[in-house]
Every structure is written in structure tokens, then in C-alpha cells.
Amino acid sequence: MTENLAVLISSCDKFSDLWEEHIRLYRENWKGESVKTFLVTDKATDANFEGVEIITAPSDYDFPMRIKYALQFIAAPYVLLTLDDYFTVNNIESKDIFYLADRAYNEKIDYLMLYDRRKDSPRKFLPIEVLEEIDLNKKYALTLYPAIWNKDFLAKTVKDDLSPWLYEVSLTKTAVEEGAKCFFSPAGTFRILDVVRKGKVLHKADRYFKSHGINIGDRPKISYLTEFKLAFMDALSWYAPKKLIGALKKIGRKFGMSFYSE
């Protein structure tokens, strides 16, 4: 076990229906030495999971403030931050995760992205030793999770004047301001199944649950139309030229739309 890393699952009471299966899959798929694991939520709970310490933040804290609150209870200098509805459905080799955490510690890396949906294919994975520096000139270069964070840098990203909706958009700007060292590991060490969007279960996740006998209760499924819109917006933000995105936003503003990225 490395002393340089802990795992923090970001959550809240509204997503507590996911905890049991999330943690079961996490434990089943984590191979090798264990790691200190925490889950932060916003309300006191009777839930109890072996090997997971539950941290209850003040109920009026939004999700960025809950994360910052939880960091004070974590002794390790680095934290692998993940989300309650990011289910681990592939093996996680602890030796690889610990290698990355120790390397981040030794090389003073502030942020190490572990997952990119656009590159989540075994044919695209590279050896564990390979790290790619993240271009901070790109607007959405940093995503909150899953990633290994320098705990002090992660705390600095949470600012009191930022709403939760603007927080994730601000990460890249904060990294630039702080002169952060940010990298991506293309080794596929911590792959996830995205389960919920807008409070509802995605169809890919629902199919996985049915085929593996997983029951998370009666949370409704998202509509196909909404899921298509979300996928389309993702693709647009990833691949569309900046000029095209700017033109589309200009049209959207005429119809009263606003954009968190601005």
C-alpha cells in the first residue's frame, strides 16, 4: 500500500441508492493491495461499508465544497477522485495506480487524468510509463474525475464565489493561474461506466445492469432523445472547430440561451 494516495468518492444523499453497487463493484474490481477509501456525502447516514470511511459534510455545502471539506480528513498528499455514478466494471490493478500516484508525488504533478471517453479503447492504451502533458490552452482540458489530484491543488480549485455549475468549467483556468503540472495517463488504469445523467440512468448502464443482475432500485431511465442530445453536445465540444462553436453559441444567445463556459 502506498502512503501517497487515498481514494475519495464524491456523492450526496440523493445518490445514496447507488452506493451499495458502486462500492461492491469497486471492491470486486480492485486487484492487489488495498487503499484507504472515503465517501463524502451531505447528510448523516446509517450506511456502513467495509473498507470505506463515510465523511458527512455540512448539509448546505454544494459538491465542490463537500470535496474540499473531505480533504481535511485525508492524510495522503494525493487523492484519486471519482464519482458515485462512475461504476468500475473493469479490473483495476493497484500496482499501476500506486505507480502513477508515486510518480505524481515524486515529479510534483498536480493533476493526472486517468480516463478520457474519447480514448477508452484497449487498442488506444499505451504502457503505464507513458504520460501525456495536457495542453492547458484548450478550454476544457481538465475534468474533475476520475483523476489523481495533488490534494493541496485540488483544494485551491474550490473557490467560494463559484457556483457548482461554473466550478468544473473553471478548472483549466485555475490550473493556468497556479502554473499546475497536468498530465494524462493513457494506460486505461481506471475505466468507468457512466451510469447517471440529469438524475436518470443512461441506457448503456441499464443494459449492463440487466445483463449482470445489478439492481439500484427504481431510479428512472433517461429518454433516448435527451441521451442523444447529451452525446451530440459532447461530440460538438470535442470535435467541432472553435469558429463553428462560436457561431452556434451566437445563434443560441439570440434565443435566450446561456453558456456556463463563458
C-alpha atoms as a PDB file:
ATOM      1  CA  MET A   1       0.000   0.000   0.000  1.00  0.00           C
ATOM      2  CA  THR A   2       1.312   3.451  -0.876  1.00  0.00           C
ATOM      3  CA  GLU A   3       1.080   6.220   1.696  1.00  0.00           C
ATOM      4  CA  ASN A   4       0.875   8.779  -1.107  1.00  0.00           C
ATOM      5  CA  LEU A   5      -2.701   8.054  -2.184  1.00  0.00           C
ATOM      6  CA  ALA A   6      -6.280   7.746  -0.956  1.00  0.00           C
ATOM      7  CA  VAL A   7      -9.491   7.304  -2.949  1.00  0.00           C
ATOM      8  CA  LEU A   8     -12.374   9.755  -2.489  1.00  0.00           C
ATOM      9  CA  ILE A   9     -15.855   9.059  -3.864  1.00  0.00           C
ATOM     10  CA  SER A  10     -17.829  12.285  -4.304  1.00  0.00           C
ATOM     11  CA  SER A  11     -21.527  11.853  -3.522  1.00  0.00           C
ATOM     12  CA  CYS A  12     -24.626  13.146  -1.748  1.00  0.00           C
ATOM     13  CA  ASP A  13     -27.773  11.733  -0.175  1.00  0.00           C
ATOM     14  CA  LYS A  14     -29.740  11.955  -3.438  1.00  0.00           C
ATOM     15  CA  PHE A  15     -27.386   9.381  -4.958  1.00  0.00           C
ATOM     16  CA  SER A  16     -27.185   7.056  -1.957  1.00  0.00           C
ATOM     17  CA  ASP A  17     -29.178   4.451  -3.929  1.00  0.00           C
ATOM     18  CA  LEU A  18     -26.000   3.906  -5.968  1.00  0.00           C
ATOM     19  CA  TRP A  19     -23.599   3.363  -3.088  1.00  0.00           C
ATOM     20  CA  GLU A  20     -24.029  -0.351  -2.440  1.00  0.00           C
ATOM     21  CA  GLU A  21     -23.490  -1.493  -6.027  1.00  0.00           C
ATOM     22  CA  HIS A  22     -20.853   1.157  -6.712  1.00  0.00           C
ATOM     23  CA  ILE A  23     -18.753   0.033  -3.750  1.00  0.00           C
ATOM     24  CA  ARG A  24     -19.348  -3.668  -4.401  1.00  0.00           C
ATOM     25  CA  LEU A  25     -18.046  -3.342  -7.969  1.00  0.00           C
ATOM     26  CA  TYR A  26     -15.180  -1.123  -6.828  1.00  0.00           C
ATOM     27  CA  ARG A  27     -14.065  -3.744  -4.294  1.00  0.00           C
ATOM     28  CA  GLU A  28     -14.503  -6.652  -6.722  1.00  0.00           C
ATOM     29  CA  ASN A  29     -12.524  -4.980  -9.478  1.00  0.00           C
ATOM     30  CA  TRP A  30      -9.726  -3.519  -7.331  1.00  0.00           C
ATOM     31  CA  LYS A  31      -6.922  -6.092  -7.603  1.00  0.00           C
ATOM     32  CA  GLY A  32      -3.926  -6.238  -5.297  1.00  0.00           C
ATOM     33  CA  GLU A  33      -3.131  -4.159  -2.238  1.00  0.00           C
ATOM     34  CA  SER A  34      -5.921  -2.093  -0.750  1.00  0.00           C
ATOM     35  CA  VAL A  35      -6.040   1.693  -0.459  1.00  0.00           C
ATOM     36  CA  LYS A  36      -7.699   3.971   2.065  1.00  0.00           C
ATOM     37  CA  THR A  37     -11.093   4.865   0.635  1.00  0.00           C
ATOM     38  CA  PHE A  38     -13.515   7.619   1.623  1.00  0.00           C
ATOM     39  CA  LEU A  39     -17.007   8.637   0.521  1.00  0.00           C
ATOM     40  CA  VAL A  40     -18.238  12.170   1.172  1.00  0.00           C
ATOM     41  CA  THR A  41     -21.946  12.963   1.430  1.00  0.00           C
ATOM     42  CA  ASP A  42     -24.166  15.772   2.711  1.00  0.00           C
ATOM     43  CA  LYS A  43     -26.393  14.047   5.274  1.00  0.00           C
ATOM     44  CA  ALA A  44     -25.821  11.702   8.187  1.00  0.00           C
ATOM     45  CA  THR A  45     -26.375   8.092   7.177  1.00  0.00           C
ATOM     46  CA  ASP A  46     -26.585   4.648   8.742  1.00  0.00           C
ATOM     47  CA  ALA A  47     -24.889   3.143   5.692  1.00  0.00           C
ATOM     48  CA  ASN A  48     -21.782   1.148   6.520  1.00  0.00           C
ATOM     49  CA  PHE A  49     -19.365  -0.362   4.017  1.00  0.00           C
ATOM     50  CA  GLU A  50     -16.308  -2.392   4.899  1.00  0.00           C
ATOM     51  CA  GLY A  51     -13.127  -0.553   3.990  1.00  0.00           C
ATOM     52  CA  VAL A  52     -14.898   2.750   3.209  1.00  0.00           C
ATOM     53  CA  GLU A  53     -14.979   5.677   5.631  1.00  0.00           C
ATOM     54  CA  ILE A  54     -18.004   7.945   5.179  1.00  0.00           C
ATOM     55  CA  ILE A  55     -17.448  11.670   5.698  1.00  0.00           C
ATOM     56  CA  THR A  56     -20.530  13.821   6.296  1.00  0.00           C
ATOM     57  CA  ALA A  57     -20.070  17.421   5.183  1.00  0.00           C
ATOM     58  CA  PRO A  58     -22.381  20.248   6.316  1.00  0.00           C
ATOM     59  CA  SER A  59     -25.745  19.879   4.595  1.00  0.00           C
ATOM     60  CA  ASP A  60     -25.588  23.327   2.979  1.00  0.00           C
ATOM     61  CA  TYR A  61     -22.315  22.592   1.177  1.00  0.00           C
ATOM     62  CA  ASP A  62     -22.505  22.132  -2.587  1.00  0.00           C
ATOM     63  CA  PHE A  63     -20.482  19.368  -4.229  1.00  0.00           C
ATOM     64  CA  PRO A  64     -17.195  21.331  -4.644  1.00  0.00           C
ATOM     65  CA  MET A  65     -17.308  22.424  -1.008  1.00  0.00           C
ATOM     66  CA  ARG A  66     -18.027  18.843   0.077  1.00  0.00           C
ATOM     67  CA  ILE A  67     -14.904  17.686  -1.729  1.00  0.00           C
ATOM     68  CA  LYS A  68     -12.820  20.427  -0.110  1.00  0.00           C
ATOM     69  CA  TYR A  69     -14.311  19.604   3.299  1.00  0.00           C
ATOM     70  CA  ALA A  70     -13.417  15.912   2.923  1.00  0.00           C
ATOM     71  CA  LEU A  71      -9.781  16.635   2.108  1.00  0.00           C
ATOM     72  CA  GLN A  72      -9.049  17.676   5.697  1.00  0.00           C
ATOM     73  CA  PHE A  73      -9.711  14.088   6.832  1.00  0.00           C
ATOM     74  CA  ILE A  74      -7.332  12.550   4.284  1.00  0.00           C
ATOM     75  CA  ALA A  75      -3.685  12.273   5.309  1.00  0.00           C
ATOM     76  CA  ALA A  76      -2.308  11.208   1.920  1.00  0.00           C
ATOM     77  CA  PRO A  77      -0.870  14.018  -0.251  1.00  0.00           C
ATOM     78  CA  TYR A  78      -2.688  12.728  -3.350  1.00  0.00           C
ATOM     79  CA  VAL A  79      -6.285  11.668  -3.857  1.00  0.00           C
ATOM     80  CA  LEU A  80      -7.878   9.638  -6.612  1.00  0.00           C
ATOM     81  CA  LEU A  81     -11.176  11.462  -7.005  1.00  0.00           C
ATOM     82  CA  THR A  82     -14.126   9.632  -8.532  1.00  0.00           C
ATOM     83  CA  LEU A  83     -17.905   9.998  -8.628  1.00  0.00           C
ATOM     84  CA  ASP A  84     -20.785   7.999  -7.153  1.00  0.00           C
ATOM     85  CA  ASP A  85     -22.285   7.216 -10.570  1.00  0.00           C
ATOM     86  CA  TYR A  86     -18.981   6.236 -12.159  1.00  0.00           C
ATOM     87  CA  PHE A  87     -19.059   2.457 -11.723  1.00  0.00           C
ATOM     88  CA  THR A  88     -15.841   0.472 -12.153  1.00  0.00           C
ATOM     89  CA  VAL A  89     -16.641  -2.531 -14.338  1.00  0.00           C
ATOM     90  CA  ASN A  90     -13.087  -3.484 -15.372  1.00  0.00           C
ATOM     91  CA  ASN A  91     -10.116  -4.672 -13.345  1.00  0.00           C
ATOM     92  CA  ILE A  92      -8.093  -2.005 -11.552  1.00  0.00           C
ATOM     93  CA  GLU A  93      -4.525  -3.094 -10.859  1.00  0.00           C
ATOM     94  CA  SER A  94      -3.437  -1.435  -7.640  1.00  0.00           C
ATOM     95  CA  LYS A  95       0.238  -1.666  -8.616  1.00  0.00           C
ATOM     96  CA  ASP A  96      -0.477   0.538 -11.648  1.00  0.00           C
ATOM     97  CA  ILE A  97      -2.498   3.070  -9.654  1.00  0.00           C
ATOM     98  CA  PHE A  98       0.210   3.189  -6.962  1.00  0.00           C
ATOM     99  CA  TYR A  99       2.894   3.597  -9.627  1.00  0.00           C
ATOM    100  CA  LEU A 100       1.061   6.637 -11.006  1.00  0.00           C
ATOM    101  CA  ALA A 101       0.445   8.115  -7.550  1.00  0.00           C
ATOM    102  CA  ASP A 102       4.088   7.678  -6.532  1.00  0.00           C
ATOM    103  CA  ARG A 103       5.240   9.153  -9.809  1.00  0.00           C
ATOM    104  CA  ALA A 104       2.922  12.142  -9.360  1.00  0.00           C
ATOM    105  CA  TYR A 105       4.356  12.618  -5.872  1.00  0.00           C
ATOM    106  CA  ASN A 106       7.992  12.315  -6.957  1.00  0.00           C
ATOM    107  CA  GLU A 107       7.600  14.514 -10.047  1.00  0.00           C
ATOM    108  CA  LYS A 108       5.341  17.055  -8.297  1.00  0.00           C
ATOM    109  CA  ILE A 109       2.490  16.530 -10.747  1.00  0.00           C
ATOM    110  CA  ASP A 110      -0.626  18.428  -9.665  1.00  0.00           C
ATOM    111  CA  TYR A 111      -3.214  16.642 -11.791  1.00  0.00           C
ATOM    112  CA  LEU A 112      -3.160  13.275 -13.516  1.00  0.00           C
ATOM    113  CA  MET A 113      -6.216  12.399 -15.614  1.00  0.00           C
ATOM    114  CA  LEU A 114      -6.993   8.674 -15.662  1.00  0.00           C
ATOM    115  CA  TYR A 115      -9.948   8.469 -18.037  1.00  0.00           C
ATOM    116  CA  ASP A 116     -10.920  10.016 -21.358  1.00  0.00           C
ATOM    117  CA  ARG A 117     -14.066   8.708 -23.068  1.00  0.00           C
ATOM    118  CA  ARG A 118     -12.593   9.513 -26.457  1.00  0.00           C
ATOM    119  CA  LYS A 119      -9.641   7.191 -25.795  1.00  0.00           C
ATOM    120  CA  ASP A 120     -11.378   4.461 -23.788  1.00  0.00           C
ATOM    121  CA  SER A 121     -10.426   1.557 -26.014  1.00  0.00           C
ATOM    122  CA  PRO A 122      -7.773  -1.119 -25.349  1.00  0.00           C
ATOM    123  CA  ARG A 123      -6.354  -0.574 -28.842  1.00  0.00           C
ATOM    124  CA  LYS A 124      -5.581   3.034 -27.845  1.00  0.00           C
ATOM    125  CA  PHE A 125      -3.974   2.252 -24.480  1.00  0.00           C
ATOM    126  CA  LEU A 126      -0.248   2.887 -24.006  1.00  0.00           C
ATOM    127  CA  PRO A 127       2.252   1.464 -21.488  1.00  0.00           C
ATOM    128  CA  ILE A 128       1.853   2.594 -17.892  1.00  0.00           C
ATOM    129  CA  GLU A 129       5.145   4.527 -18.099  1.00  0.00           C
ATOM    130  CA  VAL A 130       3.751   6.895 -20.747  1.00  0.00           C
ATOM    131  CA  LEU A 131       2.321  10.229 -19.580  1.00  0.00           C
ATOM    132  CA  GLU A 132       0.999  12.879 -21.944  1.00  0.00           C
ATOM    133  CA  GLU A 133       1.200  16.514 -20.923  1.00  0.00           C
ATOM    134  CA  ILE A 134      -2.191  18.234 -21.068  1.00  0.00           C
ATOM    135  CA  ASP A 135      -2.472  21.336 -23.245  1.00  0.00           C
ATOM    136  CA  LEU A 136      -3.932  23.953 -20.894  1.00  0.00           C
ATOM    137  CA  ASN A 137      -4.646  26.247 -23.836  1.00  0.00           C
ATOM    138  CA  LYS A 138      -7.698  24.095 -24.518  1.00  0.00           C
ATOM    139  CA  LYS A 139     -10.833  25.336 -22.778  1.00  0.00           C
ATOM    140  CA  TYR A 140     -11.944  22.081 -21.170  1.00  0.00           C
ATOM    141  CA  ALA A 141      -8.540  20.495 -20.687  1.00  0.00           C
ATOM    142  CA  LEU A 142      -9.199  19.358 -17.103  1.00  0.00           C
ATOM    143  CA  THR A 143     -12.110  17.252 -15.910  1.00  0.00           C
ATOM    144  CA  LEU A 144     -12.781  16.702 -12.241  1.00  0.00           C
ATOM    145  CA  TYR A 145     -12.868  12.910 -12.173  1.00  0.00           C
ATOM    146  CA  PRO A 146     -11.640  10.270 -12.319  1.00  0.00           C
ATOM    147  CA  ALA A 147      -8.177  11.708 -11.778  1.00  0.00           C
ATOM    148  CA  ILE A 148      -5.318  11.700  -9.291  1.00  0.00           C
ATOM    149  CA  TRP A 149      -5.047  15.150  -7.709  1.00  0.00           C
ATOM    150  CA  ASN A 150      -2.461  16.820  -5.573  1.00  0.00           C
ATOM    151  CA  LYS A 151      -4.634  17.408  -2.521  1.00  0.00           C
ATOM    152  CA  ASP A 152      -3.464  20.997  -1.975  1.00  0.00           C
ATOM    153  CA  PHE A 153      -4.023  21.925  -5.615  1.00  0.00           C
ATOM    154  CA  LEU A 154      -7.488  20.349  -5.594  1.00  0.00           C
ATOM    155  CA  ALA A 155      -8.401  22.458  -2.556  1.00  0.00           C
ATOM    156  CA  LYS A 156      -7.234  25.606  -4.375  1.00  0.00           C
ATOM    157  CA  THR A 157      -9.621  24.936  -7.269  1.00  0.00           C
ATOM    158  CA  VAL A 158     -12.636  25.299  -4.956  1.00  0.00           C
ATOM    159  CA  LYS A 159     -13.419  28.996  -4.670  1.00  0.00           C
ATOM    160  CA  ASP A 160     -16.237  30.452  -2.575  1.00  0.00           C
ATOM    161  CA  ASP A 161     -17.549  32.705  -5.361  1.00  0.00           C
ATOM    162  CA  LEU A 162     -18.025  29.894  -7.887  1.00  0.00           C
ATOM    163  CA  SER A 163     -21.340  28.118  -8.345  1.00  0.00           C
ATOM    164  CA  PRO A 164     -21.237  24.317  -8.765  1.00  0.00           C
ATOM    165  CA  TRP A 165     -22.134  24.769 -12.445  1.00  0.00           C
ATOM    166  CA  LEU A 166     -19.183  27.056 -13.049  1.00  0.00           C
ATOM    167  CA  TYR A 167     -16.735  25.115 -10.895  1.00  0.00           C
ATOM    168  CA  GLU A 168     -15.790  22.373 -13.360  1.00  0.00           C
ATOM    169  CA  VAL A 169     -15.553  24.880 -16.202  1.00  0.00           C
ATOM    170  CA  SER A 170     -13.062  26.886 -14.096  1.00  0.00           C
ATOM    171  CA  LEU A 171     -10.601  24.038 -13.510  1.00  0.00           C
ATOM    172  CA  THR A 172      -8.422  24.693 -16.546  1.00  0.00           C
ATOM    173  CA  LYS A 173      -8.258  28.425 -15.801  1.00  0.00           C
ATOM    174  CA  THR A 174      -7.186  27.714 -12.219  1.00  0.00           C
ATOM    175  CA  ALA A 175      -4.525  25.300 -13.458  1.00  0.00           C
ATOM    176  CA  VAL A 176      -3.099  28.037 -15.686  1.00  0.00           C
ATOM    177  CA  GLU A 177      -3.187  30.590 -12.856  1.00  0.00           C
ATOM    178  CA  GLU A 178      -1.412  28.211 -10.488  1.00  0.00           C
ATOM    179  CA  GLY A 179       1.129  27.027 -13.044  1.00  0.00           C
ATOM    180  CA  ALA A 180      -0.018  23.463 -12.407  1.00  0.00           C
ATOM    181  CA  LYS A 181       1.686  20.418 -13.913  1.00  0.00           C
ATOM    182  CA  CYS A 182      -1.102  18.450 -15.583  1.00  0.00           C
ATOM    183  CA  PHE A 183      -0.812  15.111 -17.374  1.00  0.00           C
ATOM    184  CA  PHE A 184      -2.952  12.308 -18.783  1.00  0.00           C
ATOM    185  CA  SER A 185      -2.226   8.605 -18.340  1.00  0.00           C
ATOM    186  CA  PRO A 186      -3.380   6.745 -21.495  1.00  0.00           C
ATOM    187  CA  ALA A 187      -2.906   3.305 -19.913  1.00  0.00           C
ATOM    188  CA  GLY A 188      -6.583   2.589 -19.150  1.00  0.00           C
ATOM    189  CA  THR A 189      -5.919   2.072 -15.435  1.00  0.00           C
ATOM    190  CA  PHE A 190      -9.268   3.315 -14.094  1.00  0.00           C
ATOM    191  CA  ARG A 191     -12.048   2.768 -16.604  1.00  0.00           C
ATOM    192  CA  ILE A 192     -15.604   3.639 -15.663  1.00  0.00           C
ATOM    193  CA  LEU A 193     -19.193   3.055 -16.730  1.00  0.00           C
ATOM    194  CA  ASP A 194     -21.082   6.358 -16.689  1.00  0.00           C
ATOM    195  CA  VAL A 195     -24.391   5.476 -15.020  1.00  0.00           C
ATOM    196  CA  VAL A 196     -26.468   8.632 -14.459  1.00  0.00           C
ATOM    197  CA  ARG A 197     -27.026  11.896 -16.292  1.00  0.00           C
ATOM    198  CA  LYS A 198     -29.520  14.527 -15.175  1.00  0.00           C
ATOM    199  CA  GLY A 199     -30.539  12.215 -12.343  1.00  0.00           C
ATOM    200  CA  LYS A 200     -31.590   9.365 -14.663  1.00  0.00           C
ATOM    201  CA  VAL A 201     -29.960   6.099 -15.711  1.00  0.00           C
ATOM    202  CA  LEU A 202     -28.264   6.005 -19.104  1.00  0.00           C
ATOM    203  CA  HIS A 203     -29.342   3.205 -21.433  1.00  0.00           C
ATOM    204  CA  LYS A 204     -25.855   1.701 -21.751  1.00  0.00           C
ATOM    205  CA  ALA A 205     -25.700   1.422 -17.972  1.00  0.00           C
ATOM    206  CA  ASP A 206     -29.211  -0.024 -17.823  1.00  0.00           C
ATOM    207  CA  ARG A 207     -28.230  -2.727 -20.322  1.00  0.00           C
ATOM    208  CA  TYR A 208     -25.128  -3.536 -18.277  1.00  0.00           C
ATOM    209  CA  PHE A 209     -27.179  -3.769 -15.084  1.00  0.00           C
ATOM    210  CA  LYS A 210     -29.703  -6.119 -16.660  1.00  0.00           C
ATOM    211  CA  SER A 211     -27.035  -8.385 -18.097  1.00  0.00           C
ATOM    212  CA  HIS A 212     -25.151  -8.561 -14.766  1.00  0.00           C
ATOM    213  CA  GLY A 213     -28.098  -8.748 -12.366  1.00  0.00           C
ATOM    214  CA  ILE A 214     -27.447  -5.354 -10.788  1.00  0.00           C
ATOM    215  CA  ASN A 215     -30.328  -3.604  -9.032  1.00  0.00           C
ATOM    216  CA  ILE A 216     -30.048   0.036  -7.977  1.00  0.00           C
ATOM    217  CA  GLY A 217     -33.749   0.461  -7.235  1.00  0.00           C
ATOM    218  CA  ASP A 218     -36.358   2.432  -9.132  1.00  0.00           C
ATOM    219  CA  ARG A 219     -34.295   5.332 -10.484  1.00  0.00           C
ATOM    220  CA  PRO A 220     -35.865   6.179 -13.876  1.00  0.00           C
ATOM    221  CA  LYS A 221     -34.114   5.818 -17.223  1.00  0.00           C
ATOM    222  CA  ILE A 222     -33.228   8.862 -19.269  1.00  0.00           C
ATOM    223  CA  SER A 223     -35.136   9.442 -22.504  1.00  0.00           C
ATOM    224  CA  TYR A 224     -33.436   8.444 -25.747  1.00  0.00           C
ATOM    225  CA  LEU A 225     -33.859  11.998 -27.048  1.00  0.00           C
ATOM    226  CA  THR A 226     -32.132  13.556 -24.034  1.00  0.00           C
ATOM    227  CA  GLU A 227     -29.339  10.995 -24.187  1.00  0.00           C
ATOM    228  CA  PHE A 228     -28.847  11.742 -27.882  1.00  0.00           C
ATOM    229  CA  LYS A 229     -28.704  15.480 -27.183  1.00  0.00           C
ATOM    230  CA  LEU A 230     -26.070  14.957 -24.483  1.00  0.00           C
ATOM    231  CA  ALA A 231     -23.969  12.770 -26.784  1.00  0.00           C
ATOM    232  CA  PHE A 232     -24.304  15.315 -29.588  1.00  0.00           C
ATOM    233  CA  MET A 233     -23.193  18.178 -27.353  1.00  0.00           C
ATOM    234  CA  ASP A 234     -20.202  16.116 -26.187  1.00  0.00           C
ATOM    235  CA  ALA A 235     -19.158  15.391 -29.757  1.00  0.00           C
ATOM    236  CA  LEU A 236     -19.632  19.039 -30.707  1.00  0.00           C
ATOM    237  CA  SER A 237     -17.418  20.256 -27.871  1.00  0.00           C
ATOM    238  CA  TRP A 238     -14.737  17.658 -28.701  1.00  0.00           C
ATOM    239  CA  TYR A 239     -14.508  17.846 -32.460  1.00  0.00           C
ATOM    240  CA  ALA A 240     -16.179  20.997 -33.837  1.00  0.00           C
ATOM    241  CA  PRO A 241     -13.898  23.873 -34.893  1.00  0.00           C
ATOM    242  CA  LYS A 242     -13.848  26.785 -32.454  1.00  0.00           C
ATOM    243  CA  LYS A 243     -15.320  29.123 -35.062  1.00  0.00           C
ATOM    244  CA  LEU A 244     -18.295  26.830 -35.557  1.00  0.00           C
ATOM    245  CA  ILE A 245     -18.901  26.555 -31.809  1.00  0.00           C
ATOM    246  CA  GLY A 246     -18.706  30.333 -31.522  1.00  0.00           C
ATOM    247  CA  ALA A 247     -21.245  30.766 -34.331  1.00  0.00           C
ATOM    248  CA  LEU A 248     -23.647  28.243 -32.771  1.00  0.00           C
ATOM    249  CA  LYS A 249     -23.389  29.965 -29.405  1.00  0.00           C
ATOM    250  CA  LYS A 250     -24.121  33.306 -31.056  1.00  0.00           C
ATOM    251  CA  ILE A 251     -27.303  31.847 -32.527  1.00  0.00           C
ATOM    252  CA  GLY A 252     -28.202  30.291 -29.193  1.00  0.00           C
ATOM    253  CA  ARG A 253     -27.878  33.608 -27.348  1.00  0.00           C
ATOM    254  CA  LYS A 254     -30.439  35.126 -29.708  1.00  0.00           C
ATOM    255  CA  PHE A 255     -32.870  32.505 -28.421  1.00  0.00           C
ATOM    256  CA  GLY A 256     -32.076  33.298 -24.790  1.00  0.00           C
ATOM    257  CA  MET A 257     -29.572  30.519 -24.175  1.00  0.00           C
ATOM    258  CA  SER A 258     -26.618  30.991 -21.841  1.00  0.00           C
ATOM    259  CA  PHE A 259     -23.392  29.016 -21.580  1.00  0.00           C
ATOM    260  CA  TYR A 260     -21.529  28.111 -18.373  1.00  0.00           C
ATOM    261  CA  SER A 261     -18.223  28.146 -20.198  1.00  0.00           C
ATOM    262  CA  GLU A 262     -18.350  31.899 -20.546  1.00  0.00           C
END
